[in-house]
Amino acid sequence: MVEYIRYRMPPDEGERFVAVYERAGEILARSAHCRGWELRRGVEEPEQFVVRIEWDSQAGHE
């Protein structure tokens, strides 16, 4: 199962948001149910972010 989360951050908060999500990624990486994750920032719209998380199952996601 793949989960996509979209965020829009104020321009001056983008770097802070990335740092916070990197810490959250450490927690995701320790989950037996998380198969991987990534955070991407928009090139043309740098205030937009997409997080992709791959879970082993719906139950693992919950």
N, C-alpha and C. Protein backbone atom coordinates (compact mmCIF):
# COMPACT_ATOMS: atom_id res chain seq x y z
N MET A 1 0.84 -1.16 0.00
CA MET A 1 0.00 0.00 0.00
C MET A 1 0.89 1.24 0.00
N VAL A 2 0.53 2.20 -0.83
CA VAL A 2 1.31 3.43 -0.90
C VAL A 2 0.44 4.60 -0.45
N GLU A 3 0.98 5.40 0.42
CA GLU A 3 0.29 6.58 0.94
C GLU A 3 1.00 7.83 0.41
N TYR A 4 0.23 8.78 -0.07
CA TYR A 4 0.77 10.06 -0.51
C TYR A 4 0.16 11.15 0.37
N ILE A 5 1.01 12.04 0.85
CA ILE A 5 0.56 13.17 1.67
C ILE A 5 1.10 14.44 1.01
N ARG A 6 0.25 15.39 0.79
CA ARG A 6 0.66 16.66 0.18
C ARG A 6 0.62 17.77 1.22
N TYR A 7 1.64 18.60 1.19
CA TYR A 7 1.74 19.74 2.11
C TYR A 7 2.05 21.00 1.32
N ARG A 8 1.56 22.10 1.79
CA ARG A 8 1.94 23.42 1.27
C ARG A 8 2.47 24.20 2.47
N MET A 9 3.72 24.63 2.37
CA MET A 9 4.36 25.33 3.47
C MET A 9 4.69 26.76 3.05
N PRO A 10 4.64 27.70 3.98
CA PRO A 10 5.09 29.06 3.66
C PRO A 10 6.56 29.00 3.21
N PRO A 11 6.95 29.85 2.27
CA PRO A 11 8.33 29.81 1.74
C PRO A 11 9.41 29.84 2.82
N ASP A 12 9.20 30.59 3.87
CA ASP A 12 10.23 30.69 4.91
C ASP A 12 10.24 29.50 5.87
N GLU A 13 9.31 28.56 5.72
CA GLU A 13 9.24 27.38 6.60
C GLU A 13 9.72 26.10 5.91
N GLY A 14 10.04 26.16 4.63
CA GLY A 14 10.38 24.96 3.88
C GLY A 14 11.55 24.17 4.44
N GLU A 15 12.64 24.84 4.75
CA GLU A 15 13.82 24.14 5.25
C GLU A 15 13.55 23.51 6.62
N ARG A 16 12.83 24.21 7.44
CA ARG A 16 12.47 23.67 8.76
C ARG A 16 11.58 22.44 8.61
N PHE A 17 10.62 22.51 7.68
CA PHE A 17 9.74 21.38 7.42
C PHE A 17 10.55 20.14 7.00
N VAL A 18 11.50 20.32 6.11
CA VAL A 18 12.34 19.21 5.65
C VAL A 18 13.09 18.61 6.83
N ALA A 19 13.65 19.43 7.69
CA ALA A 19 14.40 18.93 8.85
C ALA A 19 13.49 18.14 9.79
N VAL A 20 12.30 18.64 10.02
CA VAL A 20 11.36 17.93 10.91
C VAL A 20 10.95 16.60 10.30
N TYR A 21 10.71 16.58 8.99
CA TYR A 21 10.30 15.33 8.37
C TYR A 21 11.45 14.32 8.32
N GLU A 22 12.66 14.79 8.25
CA GLU A 22 13.81 13.86 8.32
C GLU A 22 13.80 13.14 9.66
N ARG A 23 13.49 13.85 10.73
CA ARG A 23 13.39 13.21 12.05
C ARG A 23 12.23 12.23 12.09
N ALA A 24 11.10 12.61 11.49
CA ALA A 24 9.95 11.69 11.42
C ALA A 24 10.32 10.45 10.62
N GLY A 25 11.15 10.62 9.60
CA GLY A 25 11.59 9.50 8.79
C GLY A 25 12.37 8.47 9.59
N GLU A 26 13.08 8.93 10.59
CA GLU A 26 13.80 7.99 11.47
C GLU A 26 12.81 7.09 12.19
N ILE A 27 11.69 7.64 12.60
CA ILE A 27 10.65 6.85 13.27
C ILE A 27 10.01 5.89 12.27
N LEU A 28 9.72 6.38 11.07
CA LEU A 28 9.15 5.51 10.04
C LEU A 28 10.09 4.35 9.73
N ALA A 29 11.37 4.63 9.64
CA ALA A 29 12.35 3.60 9.31
C ALA A 29 12.40 2.49 10.36
N ARG A 30 12.06 2.80 11.58
CA ARG A 30 12.06 1.79 12.64
C ARG A 30 10.80 0.94 12.65
N SER A 31 9.78 1.36 11.91
CA SER A 31 8.52 0.61 11.88
C SER A 31 8.70 -0.67 11.07
N ALA A 32 8.25 -1.76 11.61
CA ALA A 32 8.30 -3.04 10.89
C ALA A 32 7.37 -3.02 9.68
N HIS A 33 6.44 -2.10 9.63
CA HIS A 33 5.45 -2.05 8.56
C HIS A 33 5.81 -1.09 7.44
N CYS A 34 6.73 -0.19 7.69
CA CYS A 34 7.13 0.79 6.67
C CYS A 34 8.20 0.19 5.77
N ARG A 35 7.92 0.16 4.49
CA ARG A 35 8.86 -0.40 3.51
C ARG A 35 9.77 0.66 2.91
N GLY A 36 9.45 1.92 3.16
CA GLY A 36 10.27 3.01 2.66
C GLY A 36 9.45 4.29 2.59
N TRP A 37 10.16 5.40 2.48
CA TRP A 37 9.48 6.68 2.39
C TRP A 37 10.38 7.67 1.66
N GLU A 38 9.77 8.73 1.14
CA GLU A 38 10.54 9.80 0.53
C GLU A 38 9.76 11.11 0.62
N LEU A 39 10.50 12.18 0.67
CA LEU A 39 9.95 13.52 0.70
C LEU A 39 10.49 14.25 -0.51
N ARG A 40 9.60 14.87 -1.28
CA ARG A 40 10.00 15.62 -2.47
C ARG A 40 9.42 17.03 -2.40
N ARG A 41 10.24 17.96 -2.84
CA ARG A 41 9.84 19.37 -2.87
C ARG A 41 9.60 19.78 -4.32
N GLY A 42 8.55 20.55 -4.56
CA GLY A 42 8.26 21.01 -5.90
C GLY A 42 9.37 21.88 -6.46
N VAL A 43 9.69 21.69 -7.73
CA VAL A 43 10.71 22.50 -8.39
C VAL A 43 10.12 23.84 -8.80
N GLU A 44 8.99 23.79 -9.48
CA GLU A 44 8.35 25.02 -9.94
C GLU A 44 7.57 25.72 -8.83
N GLU A 45 7.13 24.94 -7.84
CA GLU A 45 6.40 25.48 -6.70
C GLU A 45 7.05 24.97 -5.42
N PRO A 46 8.15 25.59 -5.00
CA PRO A 46 8.92 25.06 -3.86
C PRO A 46 8.19 25.08 -2.52
N GLU A 47 7.03 25.69 -2.46
CA GLU A 47 6.25 25.66 -1.22
C GLU A 47 5.44 24.37 -1.12
N GLN A 48 5.43 23.56 -2.18
CA GLN A 48 4.68 22.31 -2.17
C GLN A 48 5.60 21.12 -1.95
N PHE A 49 5.13 20.20 -1.13
CA PHE A 49 5.87 18.99 -0.79
C PHE A 49 4.95 17.78 -0.95
N VAL A 50 5.53 16.65 -1.32
CA VAL A 50 4.80 15.39 -1.37
C VAL A 50 5.62 14.36 -0.60
N VAL A 51 4.95 13.66 0.30
CA VAL A 51 5.58 12.56 1.04
C VAL A 51 4.96 11.28 0.53
N ARG A 52 5.79 10.32 0.20
CA ARG A 52 5.35 9.00 -0.25
C ARG A 52 5.83 7.99 0.78
N ILE A 53 4.90 7.22 1.33
CA ILE A 53 5.24 6.19 2.31
C ILE A 53 4.69 4.86 1.80
N GLU A 54 5.55 3.87 1.75
CA GLU A 54 5.13 2.54 1.33
C GLU A 54 4.97 1.66 2.58
N TRP A 55 3.76 1.12 2.74
CA TRP A 55 3.44 0.26 3.88
C TRP A 55 3.28 -1.17 3.41
N ASP A 56 3.50 -2.11 4.33
CA ASP A 56 3.33 -3.53 3.98
C ASP A 56 1.87 -3.92 3.79
N SER A 57 0.95 -3.17 4.42
CA SER A 57 -0.48 -3.48 4.32
C SER A 57 -1.29 -2.33 4.89
N GLN A 58 -2.57 -2.38 4.66
CA GLN A 58 -3.48 -1.38 5.25
C GLN A 58 -3.42 -1.46 6.76
N ALA A 59 -3.42 -2.67 7.29
CA ALA A 59 -3.35 -2.85 8.75
C ALA A 59 -2.04 -2.28 9.30
N GLY A 60 -0.94 -2.47 8.58
CA GLY A 60 0.34 -1.92 9.02
C GLY A 60 0.35 -0.41 9.01
N HIS A 61 -0.38 0.16 8.10
CA HIS A 61 -0.50 1.62 8.02
C HIS A 61 -1.24 2.16 9.23
N GLU A 62 -2.26 1.46 9.65
CA GLU A 62 -3.09 1.93 10.77
C GLU A 62 -2.43 1.62 12.08
